[in-house]
Amino acid sequence: MIYDILASTLIAMWIILPAYITNPAAALFGGGKTVDRGLVLSDGRRLLGDGKTYSGLLSGILTGLLTGIIQTYLVMSGWELFGIKFPLFELVPTENGIGFKAIVTILSLSAGALLGDIAMSFIKRRIGMESGDSFPIADQYDFIVGAFLLVSLTSWDWVVNTITIETIIIILIMTPILHIVANIIAYLTKVKKVPW
């Protein structure tokens, strides 16, 4: 039973890893021109804020893509952990490497995560919250919702055949824990200005 729980948890984390890695990468490599270009809406607040930059968006997506490609090559080379076989990001793998469908799935997880985060920034500005203000629950799940929505639109067959209810429950449980730990580390290493 413990092995089954461990296996299910590791598989769930494996599936969502390209989405998980995007926000830390965006924070680490961000800076420069903001996505909203300083636009202030009629409510007197920025569209998104200084925390959303083109370099962060691009580096986050590319880091997620690179992560997924590495995961794919590990699985295709026969790599296992504790005897656990991890899923690919496409249903029918290509013989010579990573296929187009896998790239679409990985990009959808990565880009969806950042789009979910951007959407939450937009909402936070509209309700009067500033960049960096804590918004419990929403801050932990915005990128997961974005990743799942986009990957469901682009890779529905993969989602249905790979992601189970158990996988979703594990991701929902593990995400706030990992989010808190990652943010504390980012704060202590001065990558983020606030520990949330």
N, C-alpha and C. Protein backbone atom coordinates (compact mmCIF):
# COMPACT_ATOMS: atom_id res chain seq x y z
N MET A 1 0.82 -1.21 0.00
CA MET A 1 0.00 0.00 0.00
C MET A 1 0.86 1.27 0.00
N ILE A 2 1.91 1.29 0.83
CA ILE A 2 2.80 2.45 0.87
C ILE A 2 3.47 2.64 -0.49
N TYR A 3 3.86 1.53 -1.10
CA TYR A 3 4.49 1.60 -2.43
C TYR A 3 3.51 2.18 -3.45
N ASP A 4 2.25 1.76 -3.39
CA ASP A 4 1.24 2.27 -4.33
C ASP A 4 1.04 3.77 -4.16
N ILE A 5 1.02 4.24 -2.91
CA ILE A 5 0.87 5.67 -2.64
C ILE A 5 2.08 6.43 -3.16
N LEU A 6 3.27 5.89 -2.90
CA LEU A 6 4.50 6.51 -3.39
C LEU A 6 4.50 6.58 -4.91
N ALA A 7 4.15 5.45 -5.54
CA ALA A 7 4.15 5.40 -7.01
C ALA A 7 3.15 6.41 -7.58
N SER A 8 1.96 6.45 -7.03
CA SER A 8 0.93 7.39 -7.52
C SER A 8 1.37 8.83 -7.34
N THR A 9 2.00 9.13 -6.21
CA THR A 9 2.46 10.49 -5.93
C THR A 9 3.57 10.89 -6.90
N LEU A 10 4.54 10.01 -7.10
CA LEU A 10 5.63 10.32 -8.02
C LEU A 10 5.15 10.48 -9.46
N ILE A 11 4.21 9.65 -9.87
CA ILE A 11 3.66 9.76 -11.23
C ILE A 11 2.90 11.09 -11.39
N ALA A 12 2.12 11.46 -10.38
CA ALA A 12 1.38 12.73 -10.44
C ALA A 12 2.35 13.91 -10.53
N MET A 13 3.40 13.88 -9.73
CA MET A 13 4.39 14.96 -9.75
C MET A 13 5.14 14.99 -11.08
N TRP A 14 5.37 13.82 -11.65
CA TRP A 14 6.04 13.72 -12.95
C TRP A 14 5.19 14.38 -14.04
N ILE A 15 3.90 14.07 -14.02
CA ILE A 15 2.98 14.60 -15.03
C ILE A 15 2.92 16.13 -14.99
N ILE A 16 2.91 16.69 -13.79
CA ILE A 16 2.69 18.13 -13.64
C ILE A 16 4.01 18.92 -13.57
N LEU A 17 5.14 18.25 -13.60
CA LEU A 17 6.44 18.91 -13.44
C LEU A 17 6.69 20.05 -14.44
N PRO A 18 6.37 19.90 -15.74
CA PRO A 18 6.59 21.04 -16.64
C PRO A 18 5.80 22.29 -16.24
N ALA A 19 4.65 22.10 -15.60
CA ALA A 19 3.88 23.25 -15.11
C ALA A 19 4.48 23.79 -13.82
N TYR A 20 4.91 22.92 -12.95
CA TYR A 20 5.50 23.34 -11.67
C TYR A 20 6.76 24.18 -11.87
N ILE A 21 7.55 23.84 -12.84
CA ILE A 21 8.87 24.46 -13.00
C ILE A 21 8.79 25.86 -13.60
N THR A 22 7.66 26.21 -14.22
CA THR A 22 7.57 27.47 -14.96
C THR A 22 7.63 28.71 -14.07
N ASN A 23 6.88 28.73 -12.97
CA ASN A 23 6.86 29.92 -12.11
C ASN A 23 8.21 30.22 -11.48
N PRO A 24 8.90 29.22 -10.90
CA PRO A 24 10.23 29.52 -10.36
C PRO A 24 11.19 30.03 -11.45
N ALA A 25 11.11 29.43 -12.64
CA ALA A 25 11.97 29.87 -13.74
C ALA A 25 11.64 31.30 -14.16
N ALA A 26 10.35 31.62 -14.21
CA ALA A 26 9.92 32.98 -14.58
C ALA A 26 10.41 34.00 -13.55
N ALA A 27 10.34 33.62 -12.27
CA ALA A 27 10.81 34.52 -11.21
C ALA A 27 12.33 34.69 -11.27
N LEU A 28 13.02 33.60 -11.53
CA LEU A 28 14.48 33.62 -11.56
C LEU A 28 15.03 34.40 -12.75
N PHE A 29 14.44 34.19 -13.93
CA PHE A 29 14.96 34.78 -15.16
C PHE A 29 14.16 35.99 -15.65
N GLY A 30 13.16 36.41 -14.85
CA GLY A 30 12.31 37.52 -15.25
C GLY A 30 13.01 38.86 -15.15
N GLY A 31 12.26 39.90 -15.39
CA GLY A 31 12.81 41.25 -15.38
C GLY A 31 12.67 41.86 -16.76
N GLY A 32 12.91 43.13 -16.84
CA GLY A 32 12.82 43.79 -18.14
C GLY A 32 11.42 44.30 -18.43
N LYS A 33 11.05 44.29 -19.69
CA LYS A 33 9.77 44.85 -20.12
C LYS A 33 8.61 44.03 -19.59
N THR A 34 7.64 44.72 -19.05
CA THR A 34 6.46 44.05 -18.51
C THR A 34 5.49 43.70 -19.62
N VAL A 35 4.74 42.64 -19.40
CA VAL A 35 3.76 42.18 -20.39
C VAL A 35 2.69 43.24 -20.63
N ASP A 36 2.32 43.96 -19.56
CA ASP A 36 1.26 44.97 -19.72
C ASP A 36 1.78 46.33 -20.19
N ARG A 37 3.12 46.45 -20.34
CA ARG A 37 3.76 47.69 -20.82
C ARG A 37 3.35 48.91 -19.99
N GLY A 38 3.03 48.68 -18.71
CA GLY A 38 2.67 49.78 -17.82
C GLY A 38 1.24 50.28 -17.97
N LEU A 39 0.43 49.56 -18.73
CA LEU A 39 -0.94 49.99 -19.00
C LEU A 39 -1.77 50.06 -17.71
N VAL A 40 -2.41 51.19 -17.52
CA VAL A 40 -3.30 51.40 -16.38
C VAL A 40 -4.72 51.43 -16.91
N LEU A 41 -5.61 50.63 -16.32
CA LEU A 41 -7.00 50.57 -16.78
C LEU A 41 -7.83 51.67 -16.13
N SER A 42 -9.09 51.76 -16.50
CA SER A 42 -9.97 52.82 -16.01
C SER A 42 -10.18 52.77 -14.50
N ASP A 43 -9.89 51.63 -13.87
CA ASP A 43 -10.01 51.54 -12.42
C ASP A 43 -8.81 52.14 -11.69
N GLY A 44 -7.83 52.65 -12.47
CA GLY A 44 -6.66 53.29 -11.90
C GLY A 44 -5.56 52.31 -11.51
N ARG A 45 -5.74 51.05 -11.85
CA ARG A 45 -4.75 50.03 -11.50
C ARG A 45 -4.12 49.44 -12.76
N ARG A 46 -2.90 48.97 -12.58
CA ARG A 46 -2.19 48.33 -13.69
C ARG A 46 -2.97 47.13 -14.21
N LEU A 47 -2.79 46.82 -15.48
CA LEU A 47 -3.42 45.64 -16.08
C LEU A 47 -2.94 44.38 -15.35
N LEU A 48 -1.62 44.24 -15.18
CA LEU A 48 -1.04 43.06 -14.52
C LEU A 48 -0.07 43.45 -13.40
N GLY A 49 0.89 44.31 -13.70
CA GLY A 49 1.88 44.71 -12.71
C GLY A 49 3.28 44.38 -13.15
N ASP A 50 4.24 44.81 -12.34
CA ASP A 50 5.66 44.66 -12.68
C ASP A 50 6.15 43.22 -12.65
N GLY A 51 5.42 42.34 -11.97
CA GLY A 51 5.87 40.95 -11.81
C GLY A 51 5.72 40.08 -13.04
N LYS A 52 5.04 40.56 -14.04
CA LYS A 52 4.81 39.76 -15.26
C LYS A 52 5.59 40.38 -16.42
N THR A 53 6.71 39.75 -16.77
CA THR A 53 7.57 40.29 -17.82
C THR A 53 7.68 39.32 -18.98
N TYR A 54 8.07 39.87 -20.13
CA TYR A 54 8.26 39.02 -21.31
C TYR A 54 9.37 38.01 -21.09
N SER A 55 10.45 38.44 -20.46
CA SER A 55 11.56 37.50 -20.24
C SER A 55 11.15 36.39 -19.27
N GLY A 56 10.35 36.73 -18.27
CA GLY A 56 9.87 35.71 -17.34
C GLY A 56 8.94 34.73 -18.03
N LEU A 57 8.04 35.26 -18.85
CA LEU A 57 7.09 34.42 -19.58
C LEU A 57 7.82 33.46 -20.52
N LEU A 58 8.74 33.99 -21.30
CA LEU A 58 9.47 33.18 -22.27
C LEU A 58 10.38 32.16 -21.57
N SER A 59 11.11 32.61 -20.56
CA SER A 59 12.02 31.68 -19.87
C SER A 59 11.26 30.61 -19.11
N GLY A 60 10.11 30.96 -18.55
CA GLY A 60 9.29 29.96 -17.85
C GLY A 60 8.79 28.88 -18.80
N ILE A 61 8.27 29.30 -19.95
CA ILE A 61 7.76 28.34 -20.94
C ILE A 61 8.88 27.46 -21.47
N LEU A 62 10.02 28.07 -21.79
CA LEU A 62 11.14 27.30 -22.32
C LEU A 62 11.71 26.33 -21.29
N THR A 63 11.75 26.75 -20.02
CA THR A 63 12.22 25.85 -18.96
C THR A 63 11.27 24.67 -18.80
N GLY A 64 9.97 24.93 -18.86
CA GLY A 64 8.98 23.85 -18.79
C GLY A 64 9.13 22.90 -19.96
N LEU A 65 9.33 23.46 -21.16
CA LEU A 65 9.51 22.63 -22.36
C LEU A 65 10.76 21.76 -22.23
N LEU A 66 11.86 22.36 -21.82
CA LEU A 66 13.11 21.61 -21.64
C LEU A 66 12.95 20.51 -20.61
N THR A 67 12.26 20.80 -19.53
CA THR A 67 12.00 19.80 -18.49
C THR A 67 11.23 18.62 -19.07
N GLY A 68 10.17 18.90 -19.81
CA GLY A 68 9.37 17.84 -20.41
C GLY A 68 10.15 17.02 -21.43
N ILE A 69 11.00 17.67 -22.19
CA ILE A 69 11.83 16.94 -23.16
C ILE A 69 12.80 16.01 -22.44
N ILE A 70 13.42 16.49 -21.38
CA ILE A 70 14.33 15.64 -20.59
C ILE A 70 13.56 14.46 -20.00
N GLN A 71 12.36 14.73 -19.47
CA GLN A 71 11.53 13.65 -18.93
C GLN A 71 11.24 12.61 -20.00
N THR A 72 10.90 13.07 -21.19
CA THR A 72 10.58 12.16 -22.30
C THR A 72 11.76 11.28 -22.63
N TYR A 73 12.93 11.87 -22.75
CA TYR A 73 14.11 11.08 -23.10
C TYR A 73 14.49 10.10 -21.99
N LEU A 74 14.26 10.48 -20.74
CA LEU A 74 14.51 9.55 -19.63
C LEU A 74 13.61 8.32 -19.75
N VAL A 75 12.31 8.57 -19.97
CA VAL A 75 11.36 7.45 -20.09
C VAL A 75 11.70 6.59 -21.29
N MET A 76 12.01 7.22 -22.43
CA MET A 76 12.29 6.46 -23.65
C MET A 76 13.60 5.66 -23.54
N SER A 77 14.49 6.10 -22.65
CA SER A 77 15.75 5.36 -22.47
C SER A 77 15.58 4.21 -21.47
N GLY A 78 14.37 4.06 -20.93
CA GLY A 78 14.10 2.95 -20.01
C GLY A 78 14.31 3.29 -18.55
N TRP A 79 14.53 4.56 -18.24
CA TRP A 79 14.76 4.97 -16.86
C TRP A 79 13.53 4.72 -16.00
N GLU A 80 13.76 4.22 -14.80
CA GLU A 80 12.70 4.01 -13.82
C GLU A 80 13.20 4.46 -12.46
N LEU A 81 12.28 4.71 -11.54
CA LEU A 81 12.62 5.06 -10.17
C LEU A 81 11.82 4.16 -9.25
N PHE A 82 12.51 3.40 -8.42
CA PHE A 82 11.86 2.43 -7.52
C PHE A 82 10.98 1.45 -8.30
N GLY A 83 11.37 1.17 -9.52
CA GLY A 83 10.60 0.25 -10.36
C GLY A 83 9.36 0.86 -10.97
N ILE A 84 9.21 2.18 -10.83
CA ILE A 84 8.02 2.87 -11.36
C ILE A 84 8.30 3.32 -12.79
N LYS A 85 7.39 2.98 -13.70
CA LYS A 85 7.48 3.43 -15.08
C LYS A 85 6.62 4.69 -15.22
N PHE A 86 7.24 5.74 -15.69
CA PHE A 86 6.56 7.03 -15.79
C PHE A 86 5.95 7.21 -17.17
N PRO A 87 4.83 7.95 -17.25
CA PRO A 87 4.16 8.15 -18.55
C PRO A 87 4.88 9.17 -19.42
N LEU A 88 4.66 9.03 -20.71
CA LEU A 88 5.14 9.99 -21.69
C LEU A 88 4.10 11.11 -21.84
N PHE A 89 4.44 12.12 -22.60
CA PHE A 89 3.52 13.22 -22.84
C PHE A 89 2.78 13.07 -24.16
N GLU A 90 2.80 11.87 -24.71
CA GLU A 90 2.01 11.54 -25.90
C GLU A 90 1.61 10.07 -25.79
N LEU A 91 0.52 9.72 -26.41
CA LEU A 91 0.01 8.36 -26.30
C LEU A 91 0.81 7.37 -27.13
N VAL A 92 1.21 7.78 -28.32
CA VAL A 92 1.97 6.91 -29.21
C VAL A 92 3.34 7.54 -29.44
N PRO A 93 4.37 7.06 -28.74
CA PRO A 93 5.69 7.68 -28.89
C PRO A 93 6.31 7.41 -30.26
N THR A 94 7.12 8.36 -30.69
CA THR A 94 7.86 8.17 -31.94
C THR A 94 9.10 7.36 -31.64
N GLU A 95 9.62 6.69 -32.65
CA GLU A 95 10.80 5.84 -32.45
C GLU A 95 12.08 6.65 -32.30
N ASN A 96 12.17 7.77 -32.98
CA ASN A 96 13.42 8.52 -33.04
C ASN A 96 13.53 9.66 -32.04
N GLY A 97 12.58 9.81 -31.17
CA GLY A 97 12.65 10.90 -30.20
C GLY A 97 11.29 11.43 -29.86
N ILE A 98 11.27 12.68 -29.48
CA ILE A 98 10.04 13.29 -29.00
C ILE A 98 9.18 13.73 -30.19
N GLY A 99 7.90 13.42 -30.13
CA GLY A 99 7.00 13.74 -31.23
C GLY A 99 6.31 15.07 -31.07
N PHE A 100 5.65 15.51 -32.13
CA PHE A 100 4.94 16.79 -32.14
C PHE A 100 3.87 16.85 -31.06
N LYS A 101 3.14 15.75 -30.87
CA LYS A 101 2.06 15.75 -29.88
C LYS A 101 2.61 15.93 -28.47
N ALA A 102 3.78 15.34 -28.21
CA ALA A 102 4.41 15.51 -26.90
C ALA A 102 4.81 16.97 -26.68
N ILE A 103 5.37 17.58 -27.72
CA ILE A 103 5.76 19.00 -27.63
C ILE A 103 4.54 19.87 -27.32
N VAL A 104 3.44 19.59 -28.00
CA VAL A 104 2.20 20.36 -27.77
C VAL A 104 1.72 20.19 -26.33
N THR A 105 1.75 18.96 -25.84
CA THR A 105 1.32 18.68 -24.46
C THR A 105 2.20 19.41 -23.46
N ILE A 106 3.50 19.30 -23.63
CA ILE A 106 4.44 19.94 -22.70
C ILE A 106 4.30 21.46 -22.75
N LEU A 107 4.23 22.01 -23.95
CA LEU A 107 4.04 23.47 -24.09
C LEU A 107 2.73 23.93 -23.47
N SER A 108 1.70 23.11 -23.60
CA SER A 108 0.40 23.47 -23.03
C SER A 108 0.45 23.49 -21.51
N LEU A 109 1.13 22.51 -20.91
CA LEU A 109 1.29 22.51 -19.46
C LEU A 109 2.09 23.72 -19.00
N SER A 110 3.17 24.03 -19.71
CA SER A 110 4.05 25.14 -19.33
C SER A 110 3.38 26.50 -19.55
N ALA A 111 2.89 26.72 -20.75
CA ALA A 111 2.27 28.00 -21.06
C ALA A 111 0.98 28.18 -20.28
N GLY A 112 0.21 27.10 -20.12
CA GLY A 112 -1.03 27.17 -19.36
C GLY A 112 -0.79 27.59 -17.92
N ALA A 113 0.29 27.09 -17.33
CA ALA A 113 0.62 27.45 -15.95
C ALA A 113 0.86 28.96 -15.83
N LEU A 114 1.63 29.50 -16.75
CA LEU A 114 1.92 30.94 -16.69
C LEU A 114 0.70 31.78 -17.07
N LEU A 115 -0.11 31.30 -17.99
CA LEU A 115 -1.33 32.03 -18.34
C LEU A 115 -2.31 32.05 -17.17
N GLY A 116 -2.38 30.94 -16.42
CA GLY A 116 -3.20 30.90 -15.22
C GLY A 116 -2.72 31.90 -14.19
N ASP A 117 -1.41 32.00 -14.04
CA ASP A 117 -0.81 32.95 -13.11
C ASP A 117 -1.07 34.39 -13.56
N ILE A 118 -0.97 34.64 -14.86
CA ILE A 118 -1.25 35.97 -15.40
C ILE A 118 -2.72 36.34 -15.20
N ALA A 119 -3.62 35.39 -15.44
CA ALA A 119 -5.05 35.63 -15.25
C ALA A 119 -5.34 36.00 -13.79
N MET A 120 -4.67 35.31 -12.85
CA MET A 120 -4.89 35.63 -11.44
C MET A 120 -4.32 37.01 -11.09
N SER A 121 -3.22 37.40 -11.72
CA SER A 121 -2.68 38.75 -11.50
C SER A 121 -3.69 39.80 -11.96
N PHE A 122 -4.31 39.55 -13.11
CA PHE A 122 -5.34 40.46 -13.62
C PHE A 122 -6.48 40.59 -12.61
N ILE A 123 -6.95 39.46 -12.08
CA ILE A 123 -8.05 39.47 -11.10
C ILE A 123 -7.63 40.19 -9.83
N LYS A 124 -6.41 39.91 -9.36
CA LYS A 124 -5.93 40.56 -8.13
C LYS A 124 -5.87 42.08 -8.29
N ARG A 125 -5.41 42.56 -9.46
CA ARG A 125 -5.38 44.01 -9.67
C ARG A 125 -6.79 44.58 -9.65
N ARG A 126 -7.75 43.86 -10.24
CA ARG A 126 -9.12 44.38 -10.32
C ARG A 126 -9.78 44.48 -8.94
N ILE A 127 -9.37 43.63 -8.00
CA ILE A 127 -9.98 43.69 -6.66
C ILE A 127 -9.13 44.50 -5.69
N GLY A 128 -8.13 45.21 -6.24
CA GLY A 128 -7.36 46.14 -5.43
C GLY A 128 -6.12 45.58 -4.77
N MET A 129 -5.74 44.37 -5.13
CA MET A 129 -4.53 43.79 -4.55
C MET A 129 -3.32 44.20 -5.39
N GLU A 130 -2.20 44.42 -4.71
CA GLU A 130 -0.98 44.81 -5.38
C GLU A 130 -0.16 43.58 -5.75
N SER A 131 0.82 43.78 -6.63
CA SER A 131 1.76 42.71 -6.98
C SER A 131 2.46 42.24 -5.72
N GLY A 132 2.48 40.93 -5.53
CA GLY A 132 3.15 40.38 -4.35
C GLY A 132 2.23 40.17 -3.16
N ASP A 133 1.01 40.76 -3.18
CA ASP A 133 0.06 40.52 -2.09
C ASP A 133 -0.36 39.06 -2.08
N SER A 134 -0.48 38.51 -0.88
CA SER A 134 -0.88 37.11 -0.73
C SER A 134 -2.38 36.95 -0.98
N PHE A 135 -2.73 35.93 -1.74
CA PHE A 135 -4.13 35.60 -2.02
C PHE A 135 -4.24 34.08 -1.82
N PRO A 136 -4.41 33.65 -0.56
CA PRO A 136 -4.40 32.21 -0.26
C PRO A 136 -5.35 31.41 -1.14
N ILE A 137 -4.97 30.22 -1.44
CA ILE A 137 -5.65 29.24 -2.30
C ILE A 137 -5.49 29.63 -3.78
N ALA A 138 -5.91 30.85 -4.13
CA ALA A 138 -5.78 31.27 -5.53
C ALA A 138 -4.31 31.26 -5.95
N ASP A 139 -3.42 31.75 -5.09
CA ASP A 139 -1.99 31.78 -5.41
C ASP A 139 -1.42 30.37 -5.60
N GLN A 140 -1.97 29.41 -4.90
CA GLN A 140 -1.45 28.05 -5.00
C GLN A 140 -2.00 27.28 -6.19
N TYR A 141 -3.19 27.63 -6.64
CA TYR A 141 -3.83 26.81 -7.67
C TYR A 141 -4.02 27.49 -9.02
N ASP A 142 -3.73 28.78 -9.14
CA ASP A 142 -3.98 29.47 -10.41
C ASP A 142 -3.22 28.83 -11.56
N PHE A 143 -1.97 28.48 -11.34
CA PHE A 143 -1.17 27.91 -12.42
C PHE A 143 -1.60 26.48 -12.76
N ILE A 144 -2.09 25.74 -11.76
CA ILE A 144 -2.58 24.37 -12.00
C ILE A 144 -3.84 24.43 -12.86
N VAL A 145 -4.75 25.32 -12.52
CA VAL A 145 -5.99 25.47 -13.30
C VAL A 145 -5.65 25.85 -14.74
N GLY A 146 -4.73 26.81 -14.90
CA GLY A 146 -4.33 27.23 -16.25
C GLY A 146 -3.71 26.09 -17.04
N ALA A 147 -2.83 25.32 -16.39
CA ALA A 147 -2.18 24.20 -17.07
C ALA A 147 -3.19 23.15 -17.50
N PHE A 148 -4.11 22.78 -16.59
CA PHE A 148 -5.10 21.76 -16.91
C PHE A 148 -6.07 22.23 -17.99
N LEU A 149 -6.46 23.49 -17.95
CA LEU A 149 -7.38 24.00 -18.98
C LEU A 149 -6.74 23.96 -20.36
N LEU A 150 -5.50 24.47 -20.47
CA LEU A 150 -4.87 24.52 -21.78
C LEU A 150 -4.53 23.13 -22.31
N VAL A 151 -4.01 22.26 -21.45
CA VAL A 151 -3.67 20.92 -21.92
C VAL A 151 -4.92 20.13 -22.28
N SER A 152 -6.04 20.42 -21.62
CA SER A 152 -7.30 19.75 -21.98
C SER A 152 -7.79 20.20 -23.35
N LEU A 153 -7.53 21.44 -23.70
CA LEU A 153 -7.94 21.96 -25.01
C LEU A 153 -7.07 21.41 -26.14
N THR A 154 -5.79 21.21 -25.87
CA THR A 154 -4.86 20.82 -26.94
C THR A 154 -4.57 19.33 -26.99
N SER A 155 -4.67 18.64 -25.85
CA SER A 155 -4.24 17.24 -25.77
C SER A 155 -5.24 16.39 -25.00
N TRP A 156 -6.52 16.52 -25.38
CA TRP A 156 -7.58 15.86 -24.63
C TRP A 156 -7.39 14.35 -24.53
N ASP A 157 -7.00 13.68 -25.61
CA ASP A 157 -6.80 12.23 -25.57
C ASP A 157 -5.73 11.84 -24.55
N TRP A 158 -4.64 12.61 -24.50
CA TRP A 158 -3.59 12.35 -23.52
C TRP A 158 -4.11 12.54 -22.10
N VAL A 159 -4.87 13.61 -21.89
CA VAL A 159 -5.43 13.89 -20.56
C VAL A 159 -6.30 12.73 -20.09
N VAL A 160 -7.22 12.31 -20.94
CA VAL A 160 -8.17 11.24 -20.58
C VAL A 160 -7.45 9.92 -20.30
N ASN A 161 -6.39 9.64 -21.05
CA ASN A 161 -5.69 8.37 -20.90
C ASN A 161 -4.56 8.39 -19.88
N THR A 162 -4.20 9.55 -19.37
CA THR A 162 -3.05 9.64 -18.48
C THR A 162 -3.41 10.16 -17.09
N ILE A 163 -4.29 11.13 -17.03
CA ILE A 163 -4.60 11.78 -15.75
C ILE A 163 -5.87 11.16 -15.16
N THR A 164 -5.72 10.60 -13.97
CA THR A 164 -6.84 9.98 -13.27
C THR A 164 -7.34 10.91 -12.16
N ILE A 165 -8.46 10.57 -11.56
CA ILE A 165 -8.98 11.32 -10.41
C ILE A 165 -7.95 11.29 -9.28
N GLU A 166 -7.32 10.14 -9.10
CA GLU A 166 -6.27 10.00 -8.08
C GLU A 166 -5.12 10.98 -8.35
N THR A 167 -4.72 11.10 -9.61
CA THR A 167 -3.66 12.03 -9.99
C THR A 167 -4.04 13.45 -9.62
N ILE A 168 -5.26 13.84 -9.93
CA ILE A 168 -5.73 15.20 -9.64
C ILE A 168 -5.75 15.46 -8.13
N ILE A 169 -6.23 14.49 -7.36
CA ILE A 169 -6.28 14.64 -5.90
C ILE A 169 -4.88 14.82 -5.34
N ILE A 170 -3.94 14.01 -5.80
CA ILE A 170 -2.55 14.12 -5.32
C ILE A 170 -1.98 15.49 -5.67
N ILE A 171 -2.21 15.94 -6.88
CA ILE A 171 -1.70 17.26 -7.29
C ILE A 171 -2.33 18.36 -6.44
N LEU A 172 -3.62 18.26 -6.15
CA LEU A 172 -4.29 19.26 -5.32
C LEU A 172 -3.76 19.27 -3.89
N ILE A 173 -3.36 18.11 -3.39
CA ILE A 173 -2.79 18.03 -2.03
C ILE A 173 -1.35 18.52 -2.00
N MET A 174 -0.56 18.11 -2.98
CA MET A 174 0.87 18.41 -2.98
C MET A 174 1.19 19.85 -3.39
N THR A 175 0.35 20.44 -4.22
CA THR A 175 0.65 21.76 -4.76
C THR A 175 0.83 22.83 -3.68
N PRO A 176 -0.09 22.98 -2.71
CA PRO A 176 0.13 24.03 -1.71
C PRO A 176 1.39 23.79 -0.87
N ILE A 177 1.68 22.53 -0.59
CA ILE A 177 2.87 22.20 0.20
C ILE A 177 4.12 22.61 -0.57
N LEU A 178 4.21 22.18 -1.82
CA LEU A 178 5.37 22.50 -2.64
C LEU A 178 5.46 24.00 -2.93
N HIS A 179 4.31 24.64 -3.10
CA HIS A 179 4.26 26.07 -3.36
C HIS A 179 4.86 26.85 -2.19
N ILE A 180 4.47 26.49 -0.98
CA ILE A 180 4.98 27.17 0.22
C ILE A 180 6.49 26.96 0.35
N VAL A 181 6.94 25.72 0.19
CA VAL A 181 8.37 25.41 0.30
C VAL A 181 9.17 26.17 -0.76
N ALA A 182 8.70 26.13 -2.00
CA ALA A 182 9.41 26.81 -3.11
C ALA A 182 9.48 28.31 -2.88
N ASN A 183 8.39 28.91 -2.39
CA ASN A 183 8.37 30.35 -2.17
C ASN A 183 9.28 30.76 -1.02
N ILE A 184 9.34 29.96 0.02
CA ILE A 184 10.26 30.26 1.13
C ILE A 184 11.70 30.19 0.65
N ILE A 185 12.02 29.17 -0.14
CA ILE A 185 13.38 29.05 -0.69
C ILE A 185 13.69 30.25 -1.60
N ALA A 186 12.73 30.62 -2.45
CA ALA A 186 12.93 31.76 -3.36
C ALA A 186 13.12 33.05 -2.57
N TYR A 187 12.41 33.20 -1.48
CA TYR A 187 12.54 34.39 -0.63
C TYR A 187 13.91 34.41 0.06
N LEU A 188 14.31 33.28 0.62
CA LEU A 188 15.60 33.20 1.32
C LEU A 188 16.78 33.41 0.39
N THR A 189 16.62 33.00 -0.87
CA THR A 189 17.70 33.19 -1.85
C THR A 189 17.55 34.51 -2.61
N LYS A 190 16.61 35.34 -2.17
CA LYS A 190 16.38 36.68 -2.74
C LYS A 190 15.90 36.67 -4.20
N VAL A 191 15.32 35.56 -4.64
CA VAL A 191 14.71 35.51 -5.97
C VAL A 191 13.35 36.20 -5.92
N LYS A 192 12.66 36.08 -4.77
CA LYS A 192 11.36 36.74 -4.57
C LYS A 192 11.46 37.72 -3.41
N LYS A 193 10.64 38.78 -3.47
CA LYS A 193 10.66 39.79 -2.42
C LYS A 193 9.81 39.40 -1.22
N VAL A 194 8.86 38.49 -1.44
CA VAL A 194 7.98 38.05 -0.35
C VAL A 194 7.96 36.53 -0.29
N PRO A 195 7.75 35.93 0.90
CA PRO A 195 7.79 34.48 1.03
C PRO A 195 6.47 33.77 0.71
N TRP A 196 5.66 34.31 -0.22
CA TRP A 196 4.42 33.64 -0.62
C TRP A 196 4.21 33.76 -2.11
